[in-house]
């Protein structure tokens, strides 16, 4: 394996591993109810963001690169009438991250520059899509941090 290819794979696997650990860290202090409840009248719950990240990874990396045949129902990620438990949602998320890590490790140097296409994607190659998905995770981790601050604020003030 070339030094650049090894470095690229290492950096990407570390980033996805760190992102997944941060999502779990933010989910741990929440009850199952808080995980699925929006602390604001707008936006999303942490649980629905986890479902969204799971769907995002399974579609853009799983179905399009790893060829897993995953079928995405994006609207359901945000309004599933009967969402899974917090533990089940996190397990599905962990499984999607594991799939991403395996997919990263199986890419050859030539695979990274292979043409990429997926519904709603503007990436031109696999590397760009894997990078976009990592950035997308970071974006939603920022939202999750904000949600956790609000849950903590409400707990201190005795609200809800």
C-alpha atoms as a PDB file:
ATOM      1  CA  UNK A   1       0.000   0.000   0.000  1.00  0.00           C
ATOM      2  CA  UNK A   2       1.408   3.375  -0.931  1.00  0.00           C
ATOM      3  CA  UNK A   3       2.165   5.840   1.845  1.00  0.00           C
ATOM      4  CA  UNK A   4      -0.480   8.262   0.563  1.00  0.00           C
ATOM      5  CA  UNK A   5      -3.133   5.545   0.303  1.00  0.00           C
ATOM      6  CA  UNK A   6      -2.290   4.251   3.787  1.00  0.00           C
ATOM      7  CA  UNK A   7      -2.399   7.792   5.204  1.00  0.00           C
ATOM      8  CA  UNK A   8      -5.708   8.542   3.502  1.00  0.00           C
ATOM      9  CA  UNK A   9      -7.328   5.340   4.770  1.00  0.00           C
ATOM     10  CA  UNK A  10      -5.958   5.919   8.277  1.00  0.00           C
ATOM     11  CA  UNK A  11      -7.166   9.518   8.444  1.00  0.00           C
ATOM     12  CA  UNK A  12     -10.637   8.611   7.212  1.00  0.00           C
ATOM     13  CA  UNK A  13     -11.047   5.666   9.582  1.00  0.00           C
ATOM     14  CA  UNK A  14      -9.886   7.790  12.532  1.00  0.00           C
ATOM     15  CA  UNK A  15     -12.321  10.576  11.611  1.00  0.00           C
ATOM     16  CA  UNK A  16     -15.307   8.227  11.278  1.00  0.00           C
ATOM     17  CA  UNK A  17     -14.363   6.413  14.483  1.00  0.00           C
ATOM     18  CA  UNK A  18     -14.067   9.712  16.371  1.00  0.00           C
ATOM     19  CA  UNK A  19     -17.361  10.994  14.942  1.00  0.00           C
ATOM     20  CA  UNK A  20     -19.172   7.800  15.942  1.00  0.00           C
ATOM     21  CA  UNK A  21     -17.707   7.952  19.447  1.00  0.00           C
ATOM     22  CA  UNK A  22     -18.890  11.560  19.797  1.00  0.00           C
ATOM     23  CA  UNK A  23     -22.436  10.665  18.700  1.00  0.00           C
ATOM     24  CA  UNK A  24     -22.538   7.893  21.304  1.00  0.00           C
ATOM     25  CA  UNK A  25     -21.089  10.189  23.977  1.00  0.00           C
ATOM     26  CA  UNK A  26     -23.839  12.720  23.302  1.00  0.00           C
ATOM     27  CA  UNK A  27     -26.568  10.064  23.336  1.00  0.00           C
ATOM     28  CA  UNK A  28     -25.529   8.311  26.561  1.00  0.00           C
ATOM     29  CA  UNK A  29     -26.844  10.851  29.105  1.00  0.00           C
ATOM     30  CA  UNK A  30     -30.262  11.060  27.444  1.00  0.00           C
ATOM     31  CA  UNK A  31     -33.206   8.911  28.418  1.00  0.00           C
ATOM     32  CA  UNK A  32     -35.001   7.082  25.636  1.00  0.00           C
ATOM     33  CA  UNK A  33     -37.691   9.786  25.815  1.00  0.00           C
ATOM     34  CA  UNK A  34     -35.203  12.657  25.546  1.00  0.00           C
ATOM     35  CA  UNK A  35     -33.401  10.876  22.708  1.00  0.00           C
ATOM     36  CA  UNK A  36     -36.596  11.033  20.613  1.00  0.00           C
ATOM     37  CA  UNK A  37     -38.089  14.284  21.895  1.00  0.00           C
ATOM     38  CA  UNK A  38     -37.240  17.691  20.455  1.00  0.00           C
ATOM     39  CA  UNK A  39     -36.281  20.100  23.231  1.00  0.00           C
ATOM     40  CA  UNK A  40     -37.302  22.979  20.967  1.00  0.00           C
ATOM     41  CA  UNK A  41     -40.510  23.463  18.977  1.00  0.00           C
ATOM     42  CA  UNK A  42     -38.387  23.369  15.810  1.00  0.00           C
ATOM     43  CA  UNK A  43     -35.570  21.192  14.521  1.00  0.00           C
ATOM     44  CA  UNK A  44     -34.945  17.531  15.213  1.00  0.00           C
ATOM     45  CA  UNK A  45     -34.411  15.205  18.114  1.00  0.00           C
ATOM     46  CA  UNK A  46     -31.015  13.631  18.666  1.00  0.00           C
ATOM     47  CA  UNK A  47     -32.609  10.267  17.824  1.00  0.00           C
ATOM     48  CA  UNK A  48     -33.881  11.452  14.474  1.00  0.00           C
ATOM     49  CA  UNK A  49     -30.457  12.880  13.680  1.00  0.00           C
ATOM     50  CA  UNK A  50     -28.976   9.446  14.445  1.00  0.00           C
ATOM     51  CA  UNK A  51     -31.509   7.831  12.079  1.00  0.00           C
ATOM     52  CA  UNK A  52     -30.622  10.445   9.463  1.00  0.00           C
ATOM     53  CA  UNK A  53     -26.875   9.825   9.756  1.00  0.00           C
ATOM     54  CA  UNK A  54     -27.487   6.078   9.596  1.00  0.00           C
ATOM     55  CA  UNK A  55     -29.535   6.469   6.417  1.00  0.00           C
ATOM     56  CA  UNK A  56     -27.016   8.878   4.922  1.00  0.00           C
ATOM     57  CA  UNK A  57     -24.072   6.527   5.456  1.00  0.00           C
ATOM     58  CA  UNK A  58     -25.987   3.441   4.362  1.00  0.00           C
ATOM     59  CA  UNK A  59     -27.097   5.111   1.156  1.00  0.00           C
ATOM     60  CA  UNK A  60     -24.157   7.230   0.019  1.00  0.00           C
ATOM     61  CA  UNK A  61     -21.409   4.839   1.070  1.00  0.00           C
ATOM     62  CA  UNK A  62     -23.235   1.540   1.556  1.00  0.00           C
ATOM     63  CA  UNK A  63     -25.516   1.390  -1.462  1.00  0.00           C
ATOM     64  CA  UNK A  64     -23.412   3.471  -3.836  1.00  0.00           C
ATOM     65  CA  UNK A  65     -19.864   2.332  -3.026  1.00  0.00           C
ATOM     66  CA  UNK A  66     -20.112  -0.949  -1.065  1.00  0.00           C
ATOM     67  CA  UNK A  67     -23.124  -2.070  -3.145  1.00  0.00           C
ATOM     68  CA  UNK A  68     -25.180  -3.136  -0.100  1.00  0.00           C
ATOM     69  CA  UNK A  69     -28.546  -2.611  -1.868  1.00  0.00           C
ATOM     70  CA  UNK A  70     -29.731  -0.352   0.951  1.00  0.00           C
ATOM     71  CA  UNK A  71     -32.971   1.420   0.087  1.00  0.00           C
ATOM     72  CA  UNK A  72     -33.299   4.791   1.739  1.00  0.00           C
ATOM     73  CA  UNK A  73     -36.496   6.383   2.994  1.00  0.00           C
ATOM     74  CA  UNK A  74     -35.147   9.811   3.925  1.00  0.00           C
ATOM     75  CA  UNK A  75     -38.424  11.382   5.120  1.00  0.00           C
ATOM     76  CA  UNK A  76     -38.898   8.495   7.567  1.00  0.00           C
ATOM     77  CA  UNK A  77     -35.535   9.332   9.149  1.00  0.00           C
ATOM     78  CA  UNK A  78     -37.137  12.495  10.506  1.00  0.00           C
ATOM     79  CA  UNK A  79     -40.701  11.400  11.185  1.00  0.00           C
ATOM     80  CA  UNK A  80     -40.734   7.658  11.836  1.00  0.00           C
ATOM     81  CA  UNK A  81     -44.054   7.104  13.651  1.00  0.00           C
ATOM     82  CA  UNK A  82     -42.662   4.200  15.679  1.00  0.00           C
ATOM     83  CA  UNK A  83     -38.927   4.773  15.977  1.00  0.00           C
ATOM     84  CA  UNK A  84     -36.720   2.056  17.430  1.00  0.00           C
ATOM     85  CA  UNK A  85     -35.424   2.286  20.967  1.00  0.00           C
ATOM     86  CA  UNK A  86     -32.409   4.468  21.606  1.00  0.00           C
ATOM     87  CA  UNK A  87     -30.235   1.351  21.966  1.00  0.00           C
ATOM     88  CA  UNK A  88     -31.471  -0.121  18.680  1.00  0.00           C
ATOM     89  CA  UNK A  89     -31.013   3.180  16.822  1.00  0.00           C
ATOM     90  CA  UNK A  90     -27.453   3.442  18.133  1.00  0.00           C
ATOM     91  CA  UNK A  91     -26.732  -0.179  17.181  1.00  0.00           C
ATOM     92  CA  UNK A  92     -27.921   0.507  13.625  1.00  0.00           C
ATOM     93  CA  UNK A  93     -25.763   3.633  13.568  1.00  0.00           C
ATOM     94  CA  UNK A  94     -22.736   1.643  14.812  1.00  0.00           C
ATOM     95  CA  UNK A  95     -23.390  -0.988  12.137  1.00  0.00           C
ATOM     96  CA  UNK A  96     -23.434   1.701   9.448  1.00  0.00           C
ATOM     97  CA  UNK A  97     -20.150   3.166  10.705  1.00  0.00           C
ATOM     98  CA  UNK A  98     -18.607  -0.323  10.745  1.00  0.00           C
ATOM     99  CA  UNK A  99     -19.703  -0.759   7.127  1.00  0.00           C
ATOM    100  CA  UNK A 100     -18.092   2.589   6.254  1.00  0.00           C
ATOM    101  CA  UNK A 101     -14.828   1.584   7.958  1.00  0.00           C
ATOM    102  CA  UNK A 102     -14.744  -1.714   6.078  1.00  0.00           C
ATOM    103  CA  UNK A 103     -15.519   0.061   2.819  1.00  0.00           C
ATOM    104  CA  UNK A 104     -12.708   2.557   3.383  1.00  0.00           C
ATOM    105  CA  UNK A 105     -10.262  -0.282   4.078  1.00  0.00           C
ATOM    106  CA  UNK A 106     -11.206  -2.142   0.897  1.00  0.00           C
ATOM    107  CA  UNK A 107     -10.664   0.796  -1.454  1.00  0.00           C
ATOM    108  CA  UNK A 108      -7.649   0.581  -3.706  1.00  0.00           C
ATOM    109  CA  UNK A 109      -5.779   3.757  -4.656  1.00  0.00           C
ATOM    110  CA  UNK A 110      -7.634   3.678  -7.991  1.00  0.00           C
ATOM    111  CA  UNK A 111     -11.035   3.203  -6.319  1.00  0.00           C
ATOM    112  CA  UNK A 112     -10.853   6.597  -4.611  1.00  0.00           C
ATOM    113  CA  UNK A 113     -10.938   8.415  -7.940  1.00  0.00           C
ATOM    114  CA  UNK A 114     -13.715   6.223  -9.396  1.00  0.00           C
ATOM    115  CA  UNK A 115     -16.695   8.206 -10.647  1.00  0.00           C
ATOM    116  CA  UNK A 116     -19.457   8.590  -8.082  1.00  0.00           C
ATOM    117  CA  UNK A 117     -23.196   9.049  -8.494  1.00  0.00           C
ATOM    118  CA  UNK A 118     -26.046   8.983  -6.034  1.00  0.00           C
ATOM    119  CA  UNK A 119     -29.373  10.786  -5.682  1.00  0.00           C
ATOM    120  CA  UNK A 120     -28.743  14.312  -4.454  1.00  0.00           C
ATOM    121  CA  UNK A 121     -24.971  13.892  -4.430  1.00  0.00           C
ATOM    122  CA  UNK A 122     -22.654  16.447  -5.984  1.00  0.00           C
ATOM    123  CA  UNK A 123     -19.494  14.407  -5.427  1.00  0.00           C
ATOM    124  CA  UNK A 124     -17.495  13.543  -8.507  1.00  0.00           C
ATOM    125  CA  UNK A 125     -15.601  10.584  -7.042  1.00  0.00           C
ATOM    126  CA  UNK A 126     -15.654   8.184  -4.101  1.00  0.00           C
ATOM    127  CA  UNK A 127     -13.125  10.112  -2.044  1.00  0.00           C
ATOM    128  CA  UNK A 128     -15.155  13.294  -2.310  1.00  0.00           C
ATOM    129  CA  UNK A 129     -18.319  11.445  -1.206  1.00  0.00           C
ATOM    130  CA  UNK A 130     -16.623   9.790   1.770  1.00  0.00           C
ATOM    131  CA  UNK A 131     -15.256  13.198   2.786  1.00  0.00           C
ATOM    132  CA  UNK A 132     -18.677  14.825   2.386  1.00  0.00           C
ATOM    133  CA  UNK A 133     -20.300  12.175   4.583  1.00  0.00           C
ATOM    134  CA  UNK A 134     -17.692  12.762   7.309  1.00  0.00           C
ATOM    135  CA  UNK A 135     -18.340  16.523   7.141  1.00  0.00           C
ATOM    136  CA  UNK A 136     -22.089  15.873   7.209  1.00  0.00           C
ATOM    137  CA  UNK A 137     -21.634  13.863  10.422  1.00  0.00           C
ATOM    138  CA  UNK A 138     -19.658  16.708  11.970  1.00  0.00           C
ATOM    139  CA  UNK A 139     -22.405  19.172  11.058  1.00  0.00           C
ATOM    140  CA  UNK A 140     -25.048  17.088  12.817  1.00  0.00           C
ATOM    141  CA  UNK A 141     -22.764  16.457  15.791  1.00  0.00           C
ATOM    142  CA  UNK A 142     -22.770  20.231  16.244  1.00  0.00           C
ATOM    143  CA  UNK A 143     -26.564  20.167  16.339  1.00  0.00           C
ATOM    144  CA  UNK A 144     -26.480  17.279  18.824  1.00  0.00           C
ATOM    145  CA  UNK A 145     -24.174  19.259  21.106  1.00  0.00           C
ATOM    146  CA  UNK A 146     -26.648  22.140  21.046  1.00  0.00           C
ATOM    147  CA  UNK A 147     -29.531  19.745  21.857  1.00  0.00           C
ATOM    148  CA  UNK A 148     -27.577  18.349  24.804  1.00  0.00           C
ATOM    149  CA  UNK A 149     -26.924  21.847  26.146  1.00  0.00           C
ATOM    150  CA  UNK A 150     -30.658  22.491  26.070  1.00  0.00           C
ATOM    151  CA  UNK A 151     -31.469  19.223  27.861  1.00  0.00           C
ATOM    152  CA  UNK A 152     -28.904  20.129  30.523  1.00  0.00           C
ATOM    153  CA  UNK A 153     -30.341  23.637  30.850  1.00  0.00           C
ATOM    154  CA  UNK A 154     -33.837  22.249  31.261  1.00  0.00           C
ATOM    155  CA  UNK A 155     -32.653  19.763  33.888  1.00  0.00           C
ATOM    156  CA  UNK A 156     -30.990  22.591  35.888  1.00  0.00           C
ATOM    157  CA  UNK A 157     -34.070  24.791  35.691  1.00  0.00           C
ATOM    158  CA  UNK A 158     -36.543  21.969  36.363  1.00  0.00           C
ATOM    159  CA  UNK A 159     -38.302  22.555  33.017  1.00  0.00           C
ATOM    160  CA  UNK A 160     -40.249  19.825  31.251  1.00  0.00           C
END
